[in-house]
Amino acid sequence: MISLRPILWALVLGVSVAMAGHAQTISPPVEEYTERASASFQVTNNTLTPLVVVLDVRGFTVDEAGNLLDTPLDTGRVKVQLSEMSFRLPPRASRTIFYDAKANGGPAWFQVIATFTGARAANGLNLRIELPHVVYLNQRTALGRADVVVRSARFDAAAKMVTVELENVSERLGRVQELAIAGGDASASGAAMPVFPKSRRRAQVAWTAKTPPTRISAKFDGFTVEAPVTP
């Protein structure tokens, strides 16, 4: 099985990767709403071969380092209904999938996995390709400045890497829009990433400037958290 989920999840969870064009796509890969969503996403078959697409709604958890673990959907926390669960996708065609989702108290998150089958590799092997559409249902009261604590911000000169550990001490869901590092006239930035309720999140940003970094800032919607960098 070939899966593009690790690549897309790297983008969703805040790891910088290079992503080439692919024959099958799902768009957009991630969306955010408040409490509920009546929305859609699009799956596309750019090949000359008809494909079968099967959709599966799943939950997920993410550890401190940003590693993903699939879980069954917590139907006590979130209800999700798709317009269809499987279909045949002709060559050079796209299909729009509609869905309704509602969080039952507090924030919720889930993924819709589209599995493409029917394509073959150059060696004749059957291909099975998985792509995720990730949805965050935020609480009505947004994450606030007092909810986020910078537990550490350290610079490893040998590895040329800044490691930042954030903790969300609240029951709210939030998202770092940008993680910025500064030192002297130099700067660097990391990708956006979610910060889940009552959890820590560790991120790394490469630092190649000659002057050491002195400060980090994590930009959220409506506020920014700052802290000094230590060796």
C-alpha atoms as a PDB file:
ATOM      1  CA  MET A   1       0.000   0.000   0.000  1.00  0.00           C
ATOM      2  CA  ILE A   2       1.220   3.498  -0.844  1.00  0.00           C
ATOM      3  CA  SER A   3      -0.027   6.203   1.506  1.00  0.00           C
ATOM      4  CA  LEU A   4       0.414   9.949   1.147  1.00  0.00           C
ATOM      5  CA  ARG A   5      -1.043  10.500   4.605  1.00  0.00           C
ATOM      6  CA  PRO A   6       2.377  10.915   6.303  1.00  0.00           C
ATOM      7  CA  ILE A   7       3.220  13.734   3.879  1.00  0.00           C
ATOM      8  CA  LEU A   8      -0.099  15.521   4.294  1.00  0.00           C
ATOM      9  CA  TRP A   9      -0.090  14.968   8.050  1.00  0.00           C
ATOM     10  CA  ALA A  10       3.365  16.508   8.234  1.00  0.00           C
ATOM     11  CA  LEU A  11       1.885  19.634   6.707  1.00  0.00           C
ATOM     12  CA  VAL A  12      -1.210  19.556   8.900  1.00  0.00           C
ATOM     13  CA  LEU A  13       0.704  18.995  12.146  1.00  0.00           C
ATOM     14  CA  GLY A  14       3.465  21.507  11.579  1.00  0.00           C
ATOM     15  CA  VAL A  15       6.430  19.783   9.913  1.00  0.00           C
ATOM     16  CA  SER A  16       7.988  21.371   6.846  1.00  0.00           C
ATOM     17  CA  VAL A  17       8.189  18.962   3.905  1.00  0.00           C
ATOM     18  CA  ALA A  18       8.560  19.184   0.145  1.00  0.00           C
ATOM     19  CA  MET A  19       5.438  17.934  -1.626  1.00  0.00           C
ATOM     20  CA  ALA A  20       5.427  16.993  -5.285  1.00  0.00           C
ATOM     21  CA  GLY A  21       2.396  16.748  -7.562  1.00  0.00           C
ATOM     22  CA  HIS A  22       0.352  13.565  -7.209  1.00  0.00           C
ATOM     23  CA  ALA A  23      -2.107  11.742  -9.447  1.00  0.00           C
ATOM     24  CA  GLN A  24      -4.774  11.705  -6.726  1.00  0.00           C
ATOM     25  CA  THR A  25      -5.593  14.716  -4.565  1.00  0.00           C
ATOM     26  CA  ILE A  26      -7.916  15.805  -1.778  1.00  0.00           C
ATOM     27  CA  SER A  27      -8.646  19.496  -1.276  1.00  0.00           C
ATOM     28  CA  PRO A  28      -8.496  21.185   1.112  1.00  0.00           C
ATOM     29  CA  PRO A  29      -6.407  18.907   3.349  1.00  0.00           C
ATOM     30  CA  VAL A  30      -7.460  20.741   6.541  1.00  0.00           C
ATOM     31  CA  GLU A  31     -10.325  22.997   7.651  1.00  0.00           C
ATOM     32  CA  GLU A  32     -11.356  24.748  10.888  1.00  0.00           C
ATOM     33  CA  TYR A  33     -14.859  25.646  12.070  1.00  0.00           C
ATOM     34  CA  THR A  34     -16.591  26.634  15.300  1.00  0.00           C
ATOM     35  CA  GLU A  35     -18.703  23.917  16.984  1.00  0.00           C
ATOM     36  CA  ARG A  36     -20.257  22.647  13.764  1.00  0.00           C
ATOM     37  CA  ALA A  37     -19.657  22.470  10.013  1.00  0.00           C
ATOM     38  CA  SER A  38     -21.774  22.116   6.889  1.00  0.00           C
ATOM     39  CA  ALA A  39     -18.976  21.929   4.396  1.00  0.00           C
ATOM     40  CA  SER A  40     -17.361  19.968   1.581  1.00  0.00           C
ATOM     41  CA  PHE A  41     -14.073  18.772   0.146  1.00  0.00           C
ATOM     42  CA  GLN A  42     -13.050  17.569  -3.301  1.00  0.00           C
ATOM     43  CA  VAL A  43     -11.303  14.393  -4.407  1.00  0.00           C
ATOM     44  CA  THR A  44      -9.630  14.309  -7.816  1.00  0.00           C
ATOM     45  CA  ASN A  45      -8.367  11.547 -10.088  1.00  0.00           C
ATOM     46  CA  ASN A  46      -5.744  12.993 -12.424  1.00  0.00           C
ATOM     47  CA  THR A  47      -4.934   9.643 -14.028  1.00  0.00           C
ATOM     48  CA  LEU A  48      -6.312   7.984 -17.181  1.00  0.00           C
ATOM     49  CA  THR A  49      -7.616   5.039 -15.134  1.00  0.00           C
ATOM     50  CA  PRO A  50     -11.004   4.896 -13.380  1.00  0.00           C
ATOM     51  CA  LEU A  51     -10.625   4.512  -9.610  1.00  0.00           C
ATOM     52  CA  VAL A  52     -12.817   3.366  -6.731  1.00  0.00           C
ATOM     53  CA  VAL A  53     -12.841   5.712  -3.741  1.00  0.00           C
ATOM     54  CA  VAL A  54     -13.952   4.597  -0.275  1.00  0.00           C
ATOM     55  CA  LEU A  55     -14.376   7.134   2.538  1.00  0.00           C
ATOM     56  CA  ASP A  56     -13.862   6.397   6.224  1.00  0.00           C
ATOM     57  CA  VAL A  57     -14.387   8.810   9.141  1.00  0.00           C
ATOM     58  CA  ARG A  58     -11.786   8.319  11.860  1.00  0.00           C
ATOM     59  CA  GLY A  59     -10.517  10.056  14.968  1.00  0.00           C
ATOM     60  CA  PHE A  60      -6.873  10.709  15.791  1.00  0.00           C
ATOM     61  CA  THR A  61      -4.519  11.675  18.572  1.00  0.00           C
ATOM     62  CA  VAL A  62      -1.170  13.441  18.350  1.00  0.00           C
ATOM     63  CA  ASP A  63       1.708  13.038  20.793  1.00  0.00           C
ATOM     64  CA  GLU A  64       4.090  15.754  22.025  1.00  0.00           C
ATOM     65  CA  ALA A  65       6.438  15.261  19.065  1.00  0.00           C
ATOM     66  CA  GLY A  66       3.613  15.570  16.535  1.00  0.00           C
ATOM     67  CA  ASN A  67       3.286  11.868  15.703  1.00  0.00           C
ATOM     68  CA  LEU A  68      -0.190  10.774  14.605  1.00  0.00           C
ATOM     69  CA  LEU A  69      -2.147   7.807  15.938  1.00  0.00           C
ATOM     70  CA  ASP A  70      -5.390   6.737  14.254  1.00  0.00           C
ATOM     71  CA  THR A  71      -8.311   6.084  16.622  1.00  0.00           C
ATOM     72  CA  PRO A  72     -11.970   5.150  16.149  1.00  0.00           C
ATOM     73  CA  LEU A  73     -14.279   8.149  15.844  1.00  0.00           C
ATOM     74  CA  ASP A  74     -15.521   9.266  19.277  1.00  0.00           C
ATOM     75  CA  THR A  75     -19.226   9.512  18.441  1.00  0.00           C
ATOM     76  CA  GLY A  76     -19.927  10.749  21.952  1.00  0.00           C
ATOM     77  CA  ARG A  77     -17.867  13.846  21.181  1.00  0.00           C
ATOM     78  CA  VAL A  78     -18.600  14.453  17.501  1.00  0.00           C
ATOM     79  CA  LYS A  79     -21.277  13.440  14.987  1.00  0.00           C
ATOM     80  CA  VAL A  80     -20.306  13.304  11.302  1.00  0.00           C
ATOM     81  CA  GLN A  81     -22.511  12.545   8.301  1.00  0.00           C
ATOM     82  CA  LEU A  82     -21.142  12.278   4.738  1.00  0.00           C
ATOM     83  CA  SER A  83     -23.132  12.663   1.529  1.00  0.00           C
ATOM     84  CA  GLU A  84     -21.726   9.311   0.331  1.00  0.00           C
ATOM     85  CA  MET A  85     -19.245   6.706   1.482  1.00  0.00           C
ATOM     86  CA  SER A  86     -17.973   5.189  -1.791  1.00  0.00           C
ATOM     87  CA  PHE A  87     -18.071   5.905  -5.506  1.00  0.00           C
ATOM     88  CA  ARG A  88     -16.344   5.307  -8.835  1.00  0.00           C
ATOM     89  CA  LEU A  89     -14.218   8.225 -10.016  1.00  0.00           C
ATOM     90  CA  PRO A  90     -13.699   8.395 -13.816  1.00  0.00           C
ATOM     91  CA  PRO A  91     -10.366   9.446 -15.372  1.00  0.00           C
ATOM     92  CA  ARG A  92      -9.518  13.151 -15.144  1.00  0.00           C
ATOM     93  CA  ALA A  93     -12.535  13.730 -12.907  1.00  0.00           C
ATOM     94  CA  SER A  94     -13.303  15.294  -9.534  1.00  0.00           C
ATOM     95  CA  ARG A  95     -16.063  14.729  -7.016  1.00  0.00           C
ATOM     96  CA  THR A  96     -17.341  16.982  -4.244  1.00  0.00           C
ATOM     97  CA  ILE A  97     -18.197  15.328  -0.939  1.00  0.00           C
ATOM     98  CA  PHE A  98     -20.539  17.176   1.401  1.00  0.00           C
ATOM     99  CA  TYR A  99     -20.625  16.634   5.146  1.00  0.00           C
ATOM    100  CA  ASP A 100     -22.266  17.826   8.323  1.00  0.00           C
ATOM    101  CA  ALA A 101     -20.389  17.655  11.618  1.00  0.00           C
ATOM    102  CA  LYS A 102     -21.259  18.792  15.122  1.00  0.00           C
ATOM    103  CA  ALA A 103     -19.248  18.784  18.350  1.00  0.00           C
ATOM    104  CA  ASN A 104     -21.221  17.630  21.381  1.00  0.00           C
ATOM    105  CA  GLY A 105     -19.763  19.946  24.006  1.00  0.00           C
ATOM    106  CA  GLY A 106     -16.186  21.180  23.840  1.00  0.00           C
ATOM    107  CA  PRO A 107     -13.847  21.062  20.855  1.00  0.00           C
ATOM    108  CA  ALA A 108     -13.545  18.043  18.564  1.00  0.00           C
ATOM    109  CA  TRP A 109     -11.479  16.870  15.615  1.00  0.00           C
ATOM    110  CA  PHE A 110     -11.638  14.082  13.058  1.00  0.00           C
ATOM    111  CA  GLN A 111     -10.337  12.968   9.669  1.00  0.00           C
ATOM    112  CA  VAL A 112     -12.083  11.683   6.567  1.00  0.00           C
ATOM    113  CA  ILE A 113      -9.759   9.212   4.853  1.00  0.00           C
ATOM    114  CA  ALA A 114     -10.229   8.756   1.104  1.00  0.00           C
ATOM    115  CA  THR A 115      -8.790   5.441  -0.105  1.00  0.00           C
ATOM    116  CA  PHE A 116      -8.167   5.184  -3.862  1.00  0.00           C
ATOM    117  CA  THR A 117      -7.910   1.730  -5.500  1.00  0.00           C
ATOM    118  CA  GLY A 118      -7.721   0.565  -9.094  1.00  0.00           C
ATOM    119  CA  ALA A 119      -4.428   2.132 -10.174  1.00  0.00           C
ATOM    120  CA  ARG A 120      -1.314   0.108 -10.961  1.00  0.00           C
ATOM    121  CA  ALA A 121       2.374   0.870 -10.522  1.00  0.00           C
ATOM    122  CA  ALA A 122       4.851   0.568 -13.409  1.00  0.00           C
ATOM    123  CA  ASN A 123       5.767  -2.943 -12.196  1.00  0.00           C
ATOM    124  CA  GLY A 124       2.134  -4.045 -12.346  1.00  0.00           C
ATOM    125  CA  LEU A 125       1.427  -3.996  -8.607  1.00  0.00           C
ATOM    126  CA  ASN A 126      -1.947  -2.703  -7.471  1.00  0.00           C
ATOM    127  CA  LEU A 127      -1.821   0.649  -5.689  1.00  0.00           C
ATOM    128  CA  ARG A 128      -3.883   1.658  -2.667  1.00  0.00           C
ATOM    129  CA  ILE A 129      -3.517   5.346  -1.876  1.00  0.00           C
ATOM    130  CA  GLU A 130      -4.868   7.073   1.238  1.00  0.00           C
ATOM    131  CA  LEU A 131      -5.388  10.829   1.618  1.00  0.00           C
ATOM    132  CA  PRO A 132      -6.892  12.634   4.655  1.00  0.00           C
ATOM    133  CA  HIS A 133      -9.241  15.595   4.968  1.00  0.00           C
ATOM    134  CA  VAL A 134      -8.823  16.888   8.547  1.00  0.00           C
ATOM    135  CA  VAL A 135     -11.463  18.931  10.372  1.00  0.00           C
ATOM    136  CA  TYR A 136     -11.114  20.875  13.630  1.00  0.00           C
ATOM    137  CA  LEU A 137     -14.313  21.974  15.391  1.00  0.00           C
ATOM    138  CA  ASN A 138     -13.231  24.731  17.761  1.00  0.00           C
ATOM    139  CA  GLN A 139     -15.154  25.775  20.863  1.00  0.00           C
ATOM    140  CA  ARG A 140     -17.095  29.040  20.771  1.00  0.00           C
ATOM    141  CA  THR A 141     -14.736  30.707  23.299  1.00  0.00           C
ATOM    142  CA  ALA A 142     -11.350  30.937  21.588  1.00  0.00           C
ATOM    143  CA  LEU A 143      -8.063  29.905  23.152  1.00  0.00           C
ATOM    144  CA  GLY A 144      -6.623  32.801  25.175  1.00  0.00           C
ATOM    145  CA  ARG A 145      -3.215  34.108  26.181  1.00  0.00           C
ATOM    146  CA  ALA A 146      -3.487  32.659  29.702  1.00  0.00           C
ATOM    147  CA  ASP A 147      -4.153  29.183  28.249  1.00  0.00           C
ATOM    148  CA  VAL A 148      -0.697  28.732  26.682  1.00  0.00           C
ATOM    149  CA  VAL A 149       2.615  28.364  28.508  1.00  0.00           C
ATOM    150  CA  VAL A 150       6.101  28.121  26.968  1.00  0.00           C
ATOM    151  CA  ARG A 151       7.696  25.327  28.990  1.00  0.00           C
ATOM    152  CA  SER A 152      11.073  25.563  27.262  1.00  0.00           C
ATOM    153  CA  ALA A 153      12.862  27.103  24.290  1.00  0.00           C
ATOM    154  CA  ARG A 154      16.370  25.715  23.802  1.00  0.00           C
ATOM    155  CA  PHE A 155      19.024  26.097  21.129  1.00  0.00           C
ATOM    156  CA  ASP A 156      21.307  23.198  20.204  1.00  0.00           C
ATOM    157  CA  ALA A 157      24.289  24.861  18.517  1.00  0.00           C
ATOM    158  CA  ALA A 158      25.735  21.545  17.279  1.00  0.00           C
ATOM    159  CA  ALA A 159      22.472  20.459  15.662  1.00  0.00           C
ATOM    160  CA  LYS A 160      21.606  24.042  14.631  1.00  0.00           C
ATOM    161  CA  MET A 161      18.104  23.492  15.959  1.00  0.00           C
ATOM    162  CA  VAL A 162      15.734  25.377  18.258  1.00  0.00           C
ATOM    163  CA  THR A 163      13.341  23.138  20.202  1.00  0.00           C
ATOM    164  CA  VAL A 164      10.218  24.751  21.652  1.00  0.00           C
ATOM    165  CA  GLU A 165       7.778  23.085  24.038  1.00  0.00           C
ATOM    166  CA  LEU A 166       4.349  24.638  24.473  1.00  0.00           C
ATOM    167  CA  GLU A 167       1.633  23.557  26.888  1.00  0.00           C
ATOM    168  CA  ASN A 168      -2.078  24.197  26.529  1.00  0.00           C
ATOM    169  CA  VAL A 169      -3.367  24.203  30.113  1.00  0.00           C
ATOM    170  CA  SER A 170      -7.008  24.702  29.118  1.00  0.00           C
ATOM    171  CA  GLU A 171      -9.836  22.545  27.777  1.00  0.00           C
ATOM    172  CA  ARG A 172      -9.835  24.613  24.577  1.00  0.00           C
ATOM    173  CA  LEU A 173      -8.435  23.732  21.159  1.00  0.00           C
ATOM    174  CA  GLY A 174      -6.102  26.206  19.457  1.00  0.00           C
ATOM    175  CA  ARG A 175      -3.659  26.507  16.600  1.00  0.00           C
ATOM    176  CA  VAL A 176      -0.229  28.095  16.298  1.00  0.00           C
ATOM    177  CA  GLN A 177      -0.413  30.137  13.118  1.00  0.00           C
ATOM    178  CA  GLU A 178       3.323  30.790  13.067  1.00  0.00           C
ATOM    179  CA  LEU A 179       6.272  29.855  15.265  1.00  0.00           C
ATOM    180  CA  ALA A 180       8.952  32.524  14.819  1.00  0.00           C
ATOM    181  CA  ILE A 181      12.575  32.551  16.020  1.00  0.00           C
ATOM    182  CA  ALA A 182      14.688  35.725  16.174  1.00  0.00           C
ATOM    183  CA  GLY A 183      18.297  36.595  17.013  1.00  0.00           C
ATOM    184  CA  GLY A 184      20.260  39.652  15.939  1.00  0.00           C
ATOM    185  CA  ASP A 185      19.233  40.486  12.389  1.00  0.00           C
ATOM    186  CA  ALA A 186      18.319  36.856  11.612  1.00  0.00           C
ATOM    187  CA  SER A 187      14.991  35.074  11.818  1.00  0.00           C
ATOM    188  CA  ALA A 188      13.417  31.698  11.056  1.00  0.00           C
ATOM    189  CA  SER A 189       9.923  30.297  11.250  1.00  0.00           C
ATOM    190  CA  GLY A 190       8.097  27.006  11.627  1.00  0.00           C
ATOM    191  CA  ALA A 191       4.827  25.824  10.143  1.00  0.00           C
ATOM    192  CA  ALA A 192       1.375  26.147  11.692  1.00  0.00           C
ATOM    193  CA  MET A 193       0.324  23.404  14.114  1.00  0.00           C
ATOM    194  CA  PRO A 194      -2.579  22.546  16.404  1.00  0.00           C
ATOM    195  CA  VAL A 195      -2.248  22.684  20.200  1.00  0.00           C
ATOM    196  CA  PHE A 196      -4.687  20.246  21.764  1.00  0.00           C
ATOM    197  CA  PRO A 197      -6.506  20.687  25.119  1.00  0.00           C
ATOM    198  CA  LYS A 198      -4.574  19.770  28.268  1.00  0.00           C
ATOM    199  CA  SER A 199      -1.513  18.680  26.303  1.00  0.00           C
ATOM    200  CA  ARG A 200       2.023  19.663  25.366  1.00  0.00           C
ATOM    201  CA  ARG A 201       3.428  20.124  21.897  1.00  0.00           C
ATOM    202  CA  ARG A 202       7.105  20.114  20.947  1.00  0.00           C
ATOM    203  CA  ALA A 203       8.336  21.692  17.712  1.00  0.00           C
ATOM    204  CA  GLN A 204      11.744  22.183  16.125  1.00  0.00           C
ATOM    205  CA  VAL A 205      12.940  24.988  13.874  1.00  0.00           C
ATOM    206  CA  ALA A 206      16.286  24.952  12.060  1.00  0.00           C
ATOM    207  CA  TRP A 207      18.629  27.867  12.879  1.00  0.00           C
ATOM    208  CA  THR A 208      21.626  28.377  10.553  1.00  0.00           C
ATOM    209  CA  ALA A 209      22.516  32.010  11.277  1.00  0.00           C
ATOM    210  CA  LYS A 210      25.911  32.831  12.800  1.00  0.00           C
ATOM    211  CA  THR A 211      24.340  34.757  15.665  1.00  0.00           C
ATOM    212  CA  PRO A 212      22.493  32.609  18.220  1.00  0.00           C
ATOM    213  CA  PRO A 213      18.701  32.892  18.553  1.00  0.00           C
ATOM    214  CA  THR A 214      17.465  34.939  21.492  1.00  0.00           C
ATOM    215  CA  ARG A 215      13.679  34.853  21.375  1.00  0.00           C
ATOM    216  CA  ILE A 216      10.745  32.772  20.168  1.00  0.00           C
ATOM    217  CA  SER A 217       7.182  33.869  19.520  1.00  0.00           C
ATOM    218  CA  ALA A 218       4.144  31.673  18.881  1.00  0.00           C
ATOM    219  CA  LYS A 219       1.374  33.519  17.072  1.00  0.00           C
ATOM    220  CA  PHE A 220      -2.216  32.413  17.725  1.00  0.00           C
ATOM    221  CA  ASP A 221      -5.490  33.922  16.585  1.00  0.00           C
ATOM    222  CA  GLY A 222      -5.727  37.124  18.615  1.00  0.00           C
ATOM    223  CA  PHE A 223      -2.559  36.871  20.720  1.00  0.00           C
ATOM    224  CA  THR A 224       1.129  36.007  20.690  1.00  0.00           C
ATOM    225  CA  VAL A 225       3.192  34.126  23.295  1.00  0.00           C
ATOM    226  CA  GLU A 226       6.896  35.031  23.620  1.00  0.00           C
ATOM    227  CA  ALA A 227       9.841  33.618  25.551  1.00  0.00           C
ATOM    228  CA  PRO A 228      13.668  33.839  25.586  1.00  0.00           C
ATOM    229  CA  VAL A 229      15.792  31.086  24.015  1.00  0.00           C
ATOM    230  CA  THR A 230      18.320  29.362  26.295  1.00  0.00           C
ATOM    231  CA  PRO A 231      21.433  27.428  25.177  1.00  0.00           C
END
